[in-house]
């Protein structure tokens, strides 16, 4: 399955963005995840969602600010980000956990 991430951009601190990840095929049976890679840092898991809709947030600082969700009818996974901080600046990637497939990444830049 191929993944296409979008929705990144430049936003001021405190602002919001909603990332989308559209798959080329059905993801209804797949766990999905969002990762991010900040400049000079390793890629890290941000959040994941099971095929049943259970969510997990791996980064303490995003809990309560980010929400991962999915729409299987649209083969799409979302990451709603609010209360953005400069430290959220990174390239965000979606990942299909079933096939370990990666999207191309979308850049989120948060200015202070």
Protein backbone atom coordinates (compact mmCIF):
# COMPACT_ATOMS: atom_id res chain seq x y z
CA UNK A 1 0.00 0.00 0.00
CA UNK A 2 1.24 3.49 -0.85
CA UNK A 3 0.67 6.37 1.52
CA UNK A 4 0.34 10.06 0.73
CA UNK A 5 0.63 12.49 3.62
CA UNK A 6 -0.49 16.10 3.43
CA UNK A 7 -1.62 19.01 5.56
CA UNK A 8 1.65 20.32 6.87
CA UNK A 9 2.64 23.96 6.76
CA UNK A 10 3.83 26.96 8.70
CA UNK A 11 1.81 27.91 11.76
CA UNK A 12 2.31 30.13 14.76
CA UNK A 13 2.68 28.70 18.21
CA UNK A 14 -0.72 27.86 19.64
CA UNK A 15 -2.18 27.18 16.22
CA UNK A 16 -3.66 24.03 14.75
CA UNK A 17 -3.11 21.77 11.77
CA UNK A 18 -4.75 18.59 10.58
CA UNK A 19 -2.59 16.08 8.77
CA UNK A 20 -4.08 13.52 6.42
CA UNK A 21 -2.63 10.28 5.15
CA UNK A 22 -4.42 8.68 2.23
CA UNK A 23 -3.67 5.07 1.35
CA UNK A 24 -3.82 3.62 -2.13
CA UNK A 25 -5.77 0.65 -0.87
CA UNK A 26 -7.83 -0.53 2.03
CA UNK A 27 -6.33 -0.03 5.48
CA UNK A 28 -9.33 -1.26 7.44
CA UNK A 29 -7.41 -4.23 8.83
CA UNK A 30 -4.20 -2.33 9.46
CA UNK A 31 -2.80 -0.54 12.43
CA UNK A 32 -1.61 2.90 11.42
CA UNK A 33 0.75 5.40 12.97
CA UNK A 34 2.21 8.86 12.73
CA UNK A 35 5.90 9.44 13.28
CA UNK A 36 7.92 12.62 13.21
CA UNK A 37 11.53 13.50 12.56
CA UNK A 38 12.79 16.79 13.91
CA UNK A 39 15.99 18.39 12.59
CA UNK A 40 19.00 16.56 14.00
CA UNK A 41 16.89 13.99 15.81
CA UNK A 42 15.82 10.44 15.20
CA UNK A 43 12.39 9.61 13.88
CA UNK A 44 10.00 8.96 16.75
CA UNK A 45 6.56 7.47 17.08
CA UNK A 46 3.95 10.11 17.85
CA UNK A 47 0.69 8.17 17.87
CA UNK A 48 -0.85 4.98 16.62
CA UNK A 49 -4.34 3.63 16.06
CA UNK A 50 -5.44 0.02 15.82
CA UNK A 51 -7.82 -1.34 13.21
CA UNK A 52 -10.47 -1.20 15.92
CA UNK A 53 -9.83 2.45 16.68
CA UNK A 54 -7.87 2.19 19.91
CA UNK A 55 -5.31 4.95 20.17
CA UNK A 56 -1.90 5.28 21.74
CA UNK A 57 0.18 8.40 22.18
CA UNK A 58 3.87 7.74 22.56
CA UNK A 59 5.04 11.28 23.27
CA UNK A 60 3.90 12.70 26.57
CA UNK A 61 4.03 16.27 25.32
CA UNK A 62 1.39 15.66 22.63
CA UNK A 63 -1.15 14.02 24.92
CA UNK A 64 -4.20 16.21 25.11
CA UNK A 65 -3.08 18.26 22.09
CA UNK A 66 -2.93 15.71 19.26
CA UNK A 67 -5.65 13.31 18.18
CA UNK A 68 -5.17 10.42 15.79
CA UNK A 69 -8.23 9.10 13.98
CA UNK A 70 -9.15 7.11 10.93
CA UNK A 71 -11.83 6.89 8.26
CA UNK A 72 -11.64 3.44 6.72
CA UNK A 73 -14.22 4.31 4.07
CA UNK A 74 -11.78 6.94 2.80
CA UNK A 75 -8.63 4.87 3.45
CA UNK A 76 -7.40 7.83 5.46
CA UNK A 77 -5.73 8.42 8.79
CA UNK A 78 -5.64 11.84 10.40
CA UNK A 79 -3.58 13.63 12.98
CA UNK A 80 -5.32 16.65 14.45
CA UNK A 81 -2.76 18.88 16.13
CA UNK A 82 -3.68 21.79 18.32
CA UNK A 83 -1.80 24.00 20.74
CA UNK A 84 1.25 23.60 18.53
CA UNK A 85 4.65 24.42 19.98
CA UNK A 86 7.97 25.17 18.26
CA UNK A 87 9.25 21.80 19.48
CA UNK A 88 6.57 20.12 17.34
CA UNK A 89 8.46 21.29 14.25
CA UNK A 90 9.32 18.18 12.24
CA UNK A 91 8.59 16.19 9.15
CA UNK A 92 5.59 14.02 9.94
CA UNK A 93 5.29 10.59 8.37
CA UNK A 94 2.45 8.13 8.32
CA UNK A 95 3.11 4.43 8.56
CA UNK A 96 1.08 1.34 7.85
CA UNK A 97 2.08 -0.99 10.66
CA UNK A 98 0.86 -4.07 8.84
CA UNK A 99 3.18 -3.61 5.87
CA UNK A 100 5.69 -1.14 7.31
CA UNK A 101 4.88 1.23 4.46
CA UNK A 102 5.81 4.89 4.72
CA UNK A 103 4.41 8.03 3.20
CA UNK A 104 6.69 10.77 1.88
CA UNK A 105 6.32 13.03 4.89
CA UNK A 106 4.80 16.44 5.36
CA UNK A 107 6.68 19.32 6.98
CA UNK A 108 5.20 21.08 9.99
CA UNK A 109 6.91 24.27 11.07
CA UNK A 110 5.79 26.06 14.22
CA UNK A 111 7.06 29.58 14.73
CA UNK A 112 7.38 31.15 18.15
